[in-house]
Amino acid sequence: MSSHTVSDGLKSVIPEATLLVYSEPSDAYDVVIQFLSAENLPKTDIIGYSDPYFIANIDHQITYTSSILPNTSSPKWDNEQWIVRNIPMTAKLSITLFDKDDEEPTDDYIGRIEILNIMNYHAPPGGHDIISFAGNKHGQFHLSIQSMQSSDETKRLPRYTFDGPCRYFRHDSYAIGRLTMLNADCVYSTWKIPMRRISVYFPPYQRQHWNTHYRSAQVIFGKCPVSLLSKTTIKLTHKALYGRTVKHNENGHLNSADDLWKHVFVDKTTKRIKPSIYTYVIDNYTWRFSETGGQFFTDFASKHALLANGSEYVRYAGEFHIRPKNGWNHWNETNDDSNEWEIVFDNGSGTYTPSKDLLNNLKELLLFNFPNLNVVTYDFKDPKLKESEEQLKAAMKSYKHSTVTIEELALPPVITERL
């Protein structure tokens, strides 16, 4: 995927091979919103300045959350761009600013702005006043909006379609890392990647409901008190693992398949592509995943229900792993050329049991977001998948012996149950 400019961001079209027809609205517009900066933000902490971030929404139908900028009253956001397709002419934009507080359960509210006329937007010279709950001015916010009528192609997208840019968010947990012991740094990382046009490839009517015949899922999604406790635990753990914080976070743009390999799958300590198995879910806007394994805490932290934040529905779910295109027998440990690697996806989730008929949709979604990415898909019952995973586990053992990690004394057992 190439870098987004305003012109190509507004004019790109839907691939014919994956176009799904929706009823065309009488008024449809595409917008590119560039979030720029704020100034004169109040101090909400005794020491230092705020750690501001914002959450924007259009008609409460689609949201955008910014990166957190530490210790500043005048934040300047770089490359915070939001492309949304097929919104009505009457659409309203709301932006709420917060001060991130890692030590508290909730963040401090700074204030809010509202733009009632997106399509004929004119930026005020001094910026938009940020208004607090009490009606006081808490600084100014600056942004730009460019809009145009939707093309014939983008009119056929679902309303409020997110269309980029793709970004990644990694959150590192040291508490969970000390329990999972997957690396010498004792860090457990989770990943969140907003993806373009998920609803084109996985329409809402094809959402995957939790498996009512799966005992573990019944415990989570049932109506008994144990289910309430299970879901509460899942949501709290999800917040701890995926919540954005001032520290222990990394984010950036993914403009190509090469970026995906470089920023996500290359181990940050060894600078090599690490053989691993991940569990993943795709929800309405996001691809979430984390490393899995047979050890108890690693297994729990990578549960599909946890990745999905206890949702009864997902667009898709399963596991994936990385392998050399020519097989592990011909693997050169020093070769990290992304063109020599591929990602193997399956639909192995006992919690959601996704249909194997949608595996091709998954592949097309990934290729649309990351052109030239080498993607292979298998049904979780396919013997070829079992063979690939066994070869991977041998490679994982070799990798651990060739790097100094805490796992050298305890290799996780073969994963035999899909969760």
Protein backbone atom coordinates (compact mmCIF):
# COMPACT_ATOMS: atom_id res chain seq x y z
CA MET A 1 0.00 0.00 0.00
CA SER A 2 1.48 3.30 -1.00
CA SER A 3 1.57 6.35 1.21
CA HIS A 4 -1.69 8.31 1.29
CA THR A 5 -1.90 11.78 -0.21
CA VAL A 6 -5.10 13.76 -0.16
CA SER A 7 -5.71 13.21 -3.88
CA ASP A 8 -4.99 9.49 -4.11
CA GLY A 9 -6.64 8.93 -0.74
CA LEU A 10 -9.88 10.36 -2.06
CA LYS A 11 -9.73 8.87 -5.54
CA SER A 12 -8.66 5.25 -4.99
CA VAL A 13 -11.30 2.74 -6.04
CA ILE A 14 -12.49 -0.67 -4.98
CA PRO A 15 -10.97 -3.71 -6.70
CA GLU A 16 -13.56 -5.20 -9.03
CA ALA A 17 -12.82 -8.71 -7.79
CA THR A 18 -14.01 -7.91 -4.29
CA LEU A 19 -16.67 -5.26 -4.86
CA LEU A 20 -19.85 -5.84 -2.91
CA VAL A 21 -22.89 -3.88 -3.97
CA TYR A 22 -24.71 -1.74 -1.41
CA SER A 23 -27.63 0.59 -2.02
CA GLU A 24 -26.27 3.94 -3.13
CA PRO A 25 -27.29 6.87 -0.89
CA SER A 26 -28.50 10.09 -2.46
CA ASP A 27 -25.81 12.08 -0.66
CA ALA A 28 -22.36 10.56 -0.22
CA TYR A 29 -19.06 12.27 0.53
CA ASP A 30 -15.49 11.20 1.15
CA VAL A 31 -13.33 13.13 3.62
CA VAL A 32 -9.67 13.37 4.55
CA ILE A 33 -9.23 14.82 8.03
CA GLN A 34 -5.77 15.93 9.12
CA PHE A 35 -5.44 16.40 12.88
CA LEU A 36 -2.69 18.95 13.44
CA SER A 37 -2.14 20.36 16.91
CA ALA A 38 -3.50 21.90 20.08
CA GLU A 39 -2.24 24.68 22.31
CA ASN A 40 -2.75 26.22 25.73
CA LEU A 41 -3.95 22.96 27.26
CA PRO A 42 -4.45 23.17 31.02
CA LYS A 43 -2.26 21.35 33.51
CA THR A 44 -4.11 18.40 35.01
CA ASP A 45 -1.14 16.93 36.89
CA ILE A 46 0.70 18.40 39.85
CA ILE A 47 4.07 17.75 38.23
CA GLY A 48 4.69 18.46 34.57
CA TYR A 49 2.19 18.98 31.78
CA SER A 50 -0.57 16.84 30.34
CA ASP A 51 -0.09 13.71 28.25
CA PRO A 52 -2.77 14.58 25.69
CA TYR A 53 -4.55 12.43 23.15
CA PHE A 54 -7.94 12.70 21.48
CA ILE A 55 -10.81 10.54 20.29
CA ALA A 56 -12.70 11.75 17.21
CA ASN A 57 -16.00 10.41 15.94
CA ILE A 58 -18.31 11.07 13.02
CA ASP A 59 -22.00 10.82 13.93
CA HIS A 60 -21.04 8.31 16.66
CA GLN A 61 -20.68 5.73 13.87
CA ILE A 62 -16.92 5.56 13.50
CA THR A 63 -14.07 6.64 15.79
CA TYR A 64 -10.40 7.54 15.57
CA THR A 65 -7.99 7.53 18.51
CA SER A 66 -4.75 9.47 18.27
CA SER A 67 -1.31 8.70 19.62
CA ILE A 68 -0.42 10.02 23.07
CA LEU A 69 2.06 12.89 23.26
CA PRO A 70 3.82 13.01 26.63
CA ASN A 71 4.27 16.04 28.89
CA THR A 72 3.15 18.93 26.71
CA SER A 73 0.59 21.73 26.71
CA SER A 74 1.07 22.31 22.97
CA PRO A 75 0.94 18.90 21.25
CA LYS A 76 1.70 18.62 17.54
CA TRP A 77 0.50 15.42 15.92
CA ASP A 78 2.43 14.17 12.90
CA ASN A 79 0.68 12.09 10.23
CA GLU A 80 -2.59 11.84 12.15
CA GLN A 81 -4.76 11.50 9.06
CA TRP A 82 -8.20 9.90 8.81
CA ILE A 83 -9.89 8.92 5.54
CA VAL A 84 -13.57 8.04 5.75
CA ARG A 85 -15.78 7.13 2.79
CA ASN A 86 -19.47 7.54 2.08
CA ILE A 87 -20.67 9.83 4.84
CA PRO A 88 -23.82 11.97 4.61
CA MET A 89 -23.75 15.67 3.89
CA THR A 90 -25.14 16.36 7.37
CA ALA A 91 -22.32 14.46 9.14
CA LYS A 92 -20.93 15.96 12.34
CA LEU A 93 -17.41 15.61 13.72
CA SER A 94 -16.74 15.55 17.46
CA ILE A 95 -13.28 15.56 19.04
CA THR A 96 -12.72 14.92 22.74
CA LEU A 97 -9.33 15.49 24.38
CA PHE A 98 -8.01 13.62 27.40
CA ASP A 99 -4.92 13.61 29.57
CA LYS A 100 -3.57 10.06 29.77
CA ASP A 101 -2.88 8.83 33.28
CA ASP A 102 -1.25 5.40 33.39
CA GLU A 103 -1.62 5.16 37.15
CA GLU A 104 -5.39 5.79 37.28
CA PRO A 105 -8.34 3.72 36.01
CA THR A 106 -9.69 6.68 34.01
CA ASP A 107 -8.07 9.54 32.12
CA ASP A 108 -8.63 13.21 32.89
CA TYR A 109 -11.12 14.99 30.64
CA ILE A 110 -9.71 18.13 29.01
CA GLY A 111 -12.51 19.26 26.73
CA ARG A 112 -14.37 18.87 23.48
CA ILE A 113 -14.98 20.52 20.12
CA GLU A 114 -17.74 19.88 17.62
CA ILE A 115 -17.85 20.67 13.90
CA LEU A 116 -21.39 20.70 12.56
CA ASN A 117 -20.63 21.25 8.87
CA ILE A 118 -17.82 18.98 7.67
CA MET A 119 -18.52 19.40 3.97
CA ASN A 120 -18.12 23.18 3.95
CA TYR A 121 -15.41 23.35 6.55
CA HIS A 122 -13.34 26.50 7.01
CA ALA A 123 -10.70 26.44 9.72
CA PRO A 124 -10.97 29.39 12.13
CA PRO A 125 -7.71 31.40 12.17
CA GLY A 126 -7.16 30.88 15.88
CA GLY A 127 -8.30 27.27 15.95
CA HIS A 128 -11.34 25.72 17.64
CA ASP A 129 -11.92 26.49 21.30
CA ILE A 130 -11.76 23.36 23.46
CA ILE A 131 -14.69 23.55 25.86
CA SER A 132 -14.65 21.82 29.25
CA PHE A 133 -17.62 20.26 31.07
CA ALA A 134 -18.08 23.55 32.92
CA GLY A 135 -18.08 25.56 29.70
CA ASN A 136 -14.59 26.98 30.16
CA LYS A 137 -12.04 27.32 27.39
CA HIS A 138 -9.28 24.75 27.74
CA GLY A 139 -7.11 25.68 24.78
CA GLN A 140 -7.43 25.55 21.02
CA PHE A 141 -7.38 22.68 18.50
CA HIS A 142 -6.27 22.81 14.86
CA LEU A 143 -7.18 20.52 11.97
CA SER A 144 -7.90 20.54 8.25
CA ILE A 145 -10.71 18.82 6.36
CA GLN A 146 -10.92 18.16 2.64
CA SER A 147 -14.05 16.64 1.17
CA MET A 148 -15.52 15.70 -2.18
CA GLN A 149 -18.54 13.84 -3.42
CA SER A 150 -18.07 10.10 -3.41
CA SER A 151 -17.20 8.50 -6.71
CA ASP A 152 -19.49 5.91 -8.25
CA GLU A 153 -17.25 3.24 -6.71
CA THR A 154 -17.05 4.60 -3.17
CA LYS A 155 -20.80 5.30 -3.08
CA ARG A 156 -21.18 1.56 -3.06
CA LEU A 157 -19.15 1.13 0.09
CA PRO A 158 -20.99 0.82 3.43
CA ARG A 159 -21.68 4.09 5.19
CA TYR A 160 -18.78 5.44 7.28
CA THR A 161 -16.12 3.17 5.76
CA PHE A 162 -12.65 3.57 7.25
CA ASP A 163 -10.13 3.82 4.40
CA GLY A 164 -6.81 4.45 6.06
CA PRO A 165 -4.10 5.07 6.53
CA CYS A 166 -3.06 1.79 8.16
CA ARG A 167 -1.26 2.18 11.47
CA TYR A 168 0.10 -0.26 14.02
CA PHE A 169 -0.03 -0.05 17.79
CA ARG A 170 2.14 -2.27 19.97
CA HIS A 171 1.67 -2.42 23.72
CA ASP A 172 4.33 -4.07 25.87
CA SER A 173 3.35 -5.61 29.19
CA TYR A 174 6.17 -6.39 31.60
CA ALA A 175 3.84 -7.92 34.19
CA ILE A 176 2.48 -10.46 31.70
CA GLY A 177 5.95 -10.83 30.19
CA ARG A 178 7.35 -12.07 33.49
CA LEU A 179 4.63 -14.71 33.55
CA THR A 180 4.83 -15.82 29.91
CA MET A 181 8.67 -15.81 29.71
CA LEU A 182 8.70 -15.68 25.91
CA ASN A 183 11.91 -13.67 25.69
CA ALA A 184 14.90 -12.51 27.70
CA ASP A 185 13.39 -9.02 28.11
CA CYS A 186 10.35 -10.49 29.89
CA VAL A 187 8.01 -8.48 27.63
CA TYR A 188 4.67 -9.66 26.26
CA SER A 189 3.58 -7.61 23.23
CA THR A 190 0.10 -7.22 21.80
CA TRP A 191 -0.67 -5.69 18.42
CA LYS A 192 -3.56 -3.68 17.03
CA ILE A 193 -3.75 -2.67 13.36
CA PRO A 194 -6.78 -0.72 12.04
CA MET A 195 -7.44 -2.08 8.54
CA ARG A 196 -9.10 -0.49 5.53
CA ARG A 197 -12.51 -1.62 4.26
CA ILE A 198 -13.03 -4.62 6.51
CA SER A 199 -16.79 -4.47 5.90
CA VAL A 200 -16.23 -4.91 2.15
CA TYR A 201 -14.57 -8.28 2.69
CA PHE A 202 -16.47 -9.31 5.83
CA PRO A 203 -19.95 -7.73 5.67
CA PRO A 204 -21.87 -7.32 8.93
CA TYR A 205 -24.34 -10.05 7.95
CA GLN A 206 -21.43 -12.53 7.82
CA ARG A 207 -20.21 -11.83 11.35
CA GLN A 208 -19.08 -14.93 13.22
CA HIS A 209 -21.08 -15.60 16.41
CA TRP A 210 -19.53 -17.36 19.37
CA ASN A 211 -19.78 -21.13 19.23
CA THR A 212 -22.77 -22.08 21.37
CA HIS A 213 -21.64 -25.73 21.38
CA TYR A 214 -18.16 -25.00 22.74
CA ARG A 215 -17.97 -25.50 26.50
CA SER A 216 -15.29 -22.87 27.14
CA ALA A 217 -17.33 -20.31 25.19
CA GLN A 218 -20.45 -21.20 27.15
CA VAL A 219 -18.62 -20.34 30.35
CA ILE A 220 -17.74 -16.90 28.97
CA PHE A 221 -20.95 -15.96 27.15
CA GLY A 222 -23.58 -17.76 29.22
CA LYS A 223 -26.05 -16.18 31.63
CA CYS A 224 -24.81 -17.61 34.91
CA PRO A 225 -22.82 -15.70 37.57
CA VAL A 226 -19.63 -17.53 36.55
CA SER A 227 -20.05 -16.14 33.02
CA LEU A 228 -20.36 -12.60 34.35
CA LEU A 229 -17.17 -13.06 36.34
CA SER A 230 -15.38 -14.59 33.32
CA LYS A 231 -16.37 -11.77 30.99
CA THR A 232 -15.41 -9.12 33.55
CA THR A 233 -11.98 -10.74 33.94
CA ILE A 234 -11.57 -10.86 30.17
CA LYS A 235 -12.44 -7.18 29.74
CA LEU A 236 -10.08 -6.07 32.50
CA THR A 237 -7.26 -8.17 31.06
CA HIS A 238 -7.97 -6.84 27.56
CA LYS A 239 -7.70 -3.29 28.84
CA ALA A 240 -4.38 -4.10 30.53
CA LEU A 241 -2.97 -5.78 27.41
CA TYR A 242 -4.31 -3.50 24.66
CA GLY A 243 -4.85 -0.16 26.37
CA ARG A 244 -2.66 2.68 25.15
CA THR A 245 -0.27 4.10 27.69
CA VAL A 246 2.33 6.84 27.83
CA LYS A 247 5.07 4.30 28.40
CA HIS A 248 5.65 0.86 26.87
CA ASN A 249 3.90 1.73 23.62
CA GLU A 250 4.98 2.05 20.01
CA ASN A 251 2.96 3.12 16.98
CA GLY A 252 3.54 4.09 13.38
CA HIS A 253 2.29 3.86 9.82
CA LEU A 254 2.27 0.75 7.65
CA ASN A 255 2.62 1.89 4.06
CA SER A 256 3.62 -1.45 2.56
CA ALA A 257 4.07 -5.15 3.20
CA ASP A 258 7.73 -4.42 3.92
CA ASP A 259 6.67 -2.09 6.73
CA LEU A 260 4.57 -4.89 8.22
CA TRP A 261 7.59 -7.18 8.36
CA LYS A 262 9.96 -4.46 9.56
CA HIS A 263 7.84 -2.91 12.31
CA VAL A 264 5.80 -5.89 13.46
CA PHE A 265 7.43 -9.25 12.80
CA VAL A 266 11.13 -8.49 13.18
CA ASP A 267 12.09 -9.16 16.80
CA LYS A 268 13.10 -5.84 18.35
CA THR A 269 15.90 -7.46 20.39
CA THR A 270 17.52 -9.83 17.91
CA LYS A 271 16.58 -7.81 14.78
CA ARG A 272 15.55 -11.05 13.12
CA ILE A 273 12.20 -12.47 12.06
CA LYS A 274 11.12 -14.65 14.96
CA PRO A 275 9.36 -17.97 14.28
CA SER A 276 6.13 -17.72 16.28
CA ILE A 277 2.47 -18.72 16.35
CA TYR A 278 -0.10 -15.98 16.93
CA THR A 279 -3.81 -15.93 17.66
CA TYR A 280 -5.81 -13.19 15.95
CA VAL A 281 -9.25 -11.67 15.62
CA ILE A 282 -10.62 -9.18 13.13
CA ASP A 283 -13.43 -6.99 14.39
CA ASN A 284 -15.29 -4.12 12.71
CA TYR A 285 -12.17 -2.02 12.13
CA THR A 286 -9.14 -3.76 13.61
CA TRP A 287 -6.82 -6.76 13.32
CA ARG A 288 -5.63 -7.74 16.82
CA PHE A 289 -3.12 -10.46 17.61
CA SER A 290 -0.55 -11.72 20.11
CA GLU A 291 1.87 -14.59 20.41
CA THR A 292 0.47 -17.86 21.72
CA GLY A 293 1.95 -21.00 23.23
CA GLY A 294 1.29 -23.95 25.50
CA GLN A 295 2.40 -22.27 28.72
CA PHE A 296 -0.63 -21.32 30.86
CA PHE A 297 -0.19 -17.55 31.00
CA THR A 298 0.77 -17.31 27.31
CA ASP A 299 -2.29 -19.35 26.41
CA PHE A 300 -4.59 -17.19 28.55
CA ALA A 301 -3.20 -13.89 27.23
CA SER A 302 -3.87 -15.02 23.65
CA LYS A 303 -7.43 -16.32 24.03
CA HIS A 304 -9.66 -15.28 21.15
CA ALA A 305 -12.38 -14.02 23.51
CA LEU A 306 -9.77 -11.85 25.23
CA LEU A 307 -8.49 -10.45 21.93
CA ALA A 308 -12.11 -9.65 21.02
CA ASN A 309 -12.71 -7.92 24.40
CA GLY A 310 -15.48 -10.35 25.25
CA SER A 311 -17.49 -9.60 22.11
CA GLU A 312 -20.11 -12.15 21.06
CA TYR A 313 -19.24 -11.51 17.40
CA VAL A 314 -16.09 -11.09 15.34
CA ARG A 315 -15.61 -10.67 11.61
CA TYR A 316 -13.02 -13.47 11.62
CA ALA A 317 -10.59 -15.30 13.92
CA GLY A 318 -7.95 -17.99 14.00
CA GLU A 319 -4.20 -18.43 14.23
CA PHE A 320 -1.30 -17.54 11.96
CA HIS A 321 2.39 -18.26 11.75
CA ILE A 322 5.37 -17.19 9.69
CA ARG A 323 7.50 -19.44 7.51
CA PRO A 324 10.11 -19.16 4.74
CA LYS A 325 8.65 -19.52 1.26
CA ASN A 326 11.05 -22.36 0.47
CA GLY A 327 10.43 -24.20 3.73
CA TRP A 328 12.28 -24.43 7.02
CA ASN A 329 14.73 -27.02 5.66
CA HIS A 330 16.20 -24.31 3.43
CA TRP A 331 15.96 -21.54 6.00
CA ASN A 332 18.93 -19.22 6.35
CA GLU A 333 18.73 -17.64 9.81
CA THR A 334 20.42 -14.46 8.61
CA ASN A 335 18.03 -13.91 5.68
CA ASP A 336 15.35 -11.42 6.71
CA ASP A 337 14.36 -10.39 3.17
CA SER A 338 10.57 -10.04 3.48
CA ASN A 339 10.05 -11.39 -0.05
CA GLU A 340 11.40 -14.72 1.16
CA TRP A 341 8.77 -15.07 3.90
CA GLU A 342 5.05 -15.77 3.97
CA ILE A 343 2.28 -15.72 6.57
CA VAL A 344 0.06 -18.78 7.00
CA PHE A 345 -3.45 -18.02 8.27
CA ASP A 346 -6.10 -20.48 9.43
CA ASN A 347 -9.58 -20.35 10.94
CA GLY A 348 -8.69 -22.26 14.10
CA SER A 349 -10.81 -20.76 16.86
CA GLY A 350 -12.98 -22.94 19.06
CA THR A 351 -14.61 -19.83 20.51
CA TYR A 352 -15.91 -18.45 17.20
CA THR A 353 -15.49 -21.36 14.70
CA PRO A 354 -15.16 -19.11 11.61
CA SER A 355 -16.36 -20.52 8.30
CA LYS A 356 -13.60 -21.88 6.07
CA ASP A 357 -15.53 -20.43 3.12
CA LEU A 358 -14.34 -16.95 4.17
CA LEU A 359 -10.62 -17.75 4.16
CA ASN A 360 -10.30 -16.30 0.66
CA ASN A 361 -11.99 -13.10 1.89
CA LEU A 362 -9.33 -12.92 4.58
CA LYS A 363 -6.56 -13.26 2.02
CA GLU A 364 -8.07 -10.57 -0.20
CA LEU A 365 -8.43 -8.19 2.76
CA LEU A 366 -4.77 -8.63 3.66
CA LEU A 367 -3.62 -8.16 0.07
CA PHE A 368 -5.76 -5.04 -0.31
CA ASN A 369 -4.16 -3.52 2.78
CA PHE A 370 -0.66 -4.87 2.14
CA PRO A 371 -0.11 -5.50 -1.60
CA ASN A 372 2.50 -8.14 -2.44
CA LEU A 373 2.30 -9.69 1.02
CA ASN A 374 2.83 -13.44 0.71
CA VAL A 375 -0.29 -15.00 2.25
CA VAL A 376 -1.27 -18.67 2.48
CA THR A 377 -4.58 -19.86 4.00
CA TYR A 378 -5.57 -23.30 5.33
CA ASP A 379 -8.65 -24.68 6.98
CA PHE A 380 -7.61 -25.64 10.51
CA LYS A 381 -8.33 -29.32 9.72
CA ASP A 382 -6.04 -29.34 6.68
CA PRO A 383 -3.12 -31.82 7.15
CA LYS A 384 -0.84 -29.33 5.37
CA LEU A 385 -1.41 -26.89 8.24
CA LYS A 386 -0.44 -29.51 10.83
CA GLU A 387 2.71 -30.29 8.87
CA SER A 388 3.62 -26.60 8.62
CA GLU A 389 3.10 -26.07 12.36
CA GLU A 390 5.28 -29.05 13.28
CA GLN A 391 8.06 -27.72 11.09
CA LEU A 392 7.60 -24.31 12.69
CA LYS A 393 7.99 -25.70 16.20
CA ALA A 394 11.26 -27.31 15.23
CA ALA A 395 12.39 -23.93 13.88
CA MET A 396 11.25 -22.24 17.10
CA LYS A 397 13.45 -24.65 19.07
CA SER A 398 16.41 -23.91 16.82
CA TYR A 399 15.78 -20.17 17.13
CA LYS A 400 15.72 -20.35 20.91
CA HIS A 401 18.98 -22.26 21.01
CA SER A 402 20.64 -19.70 18.73
CA THR A 403 19.61 -16.67 20.82
CA VAL A 404 20.09 -15.96 24.49
CA THR A 405 16.58 -16.04 25.88
CA ILE A 406 14.91 -17.06 29.07
CA GLU A 407 13.11 -19.83 27.20
CA GLU A 408 16.18 -22.00 26.69
CA LEU A 409 15.18 -24.01 29.75
CA ALA A 410 11.49 -24.41 28.92
CA LEU A 411 10.21 -24.88 25.40
CA PRO A 412 6.38 -24.65 25.29
CA PRO A 413 4.74 -27.95 24.33
CA VAL A 414 3.02 -28.50 21.01
CA ILE A 415 -0.27 -26.68 20.80
CA THR A 416 -2.92 -29.34 20.51
CA GLU A 417 -6.09 -27.43 21.30
CA ARG A 418 -7.32 -24.36 19.44
CA LEU A 419 -8.91 -21.65 21.53
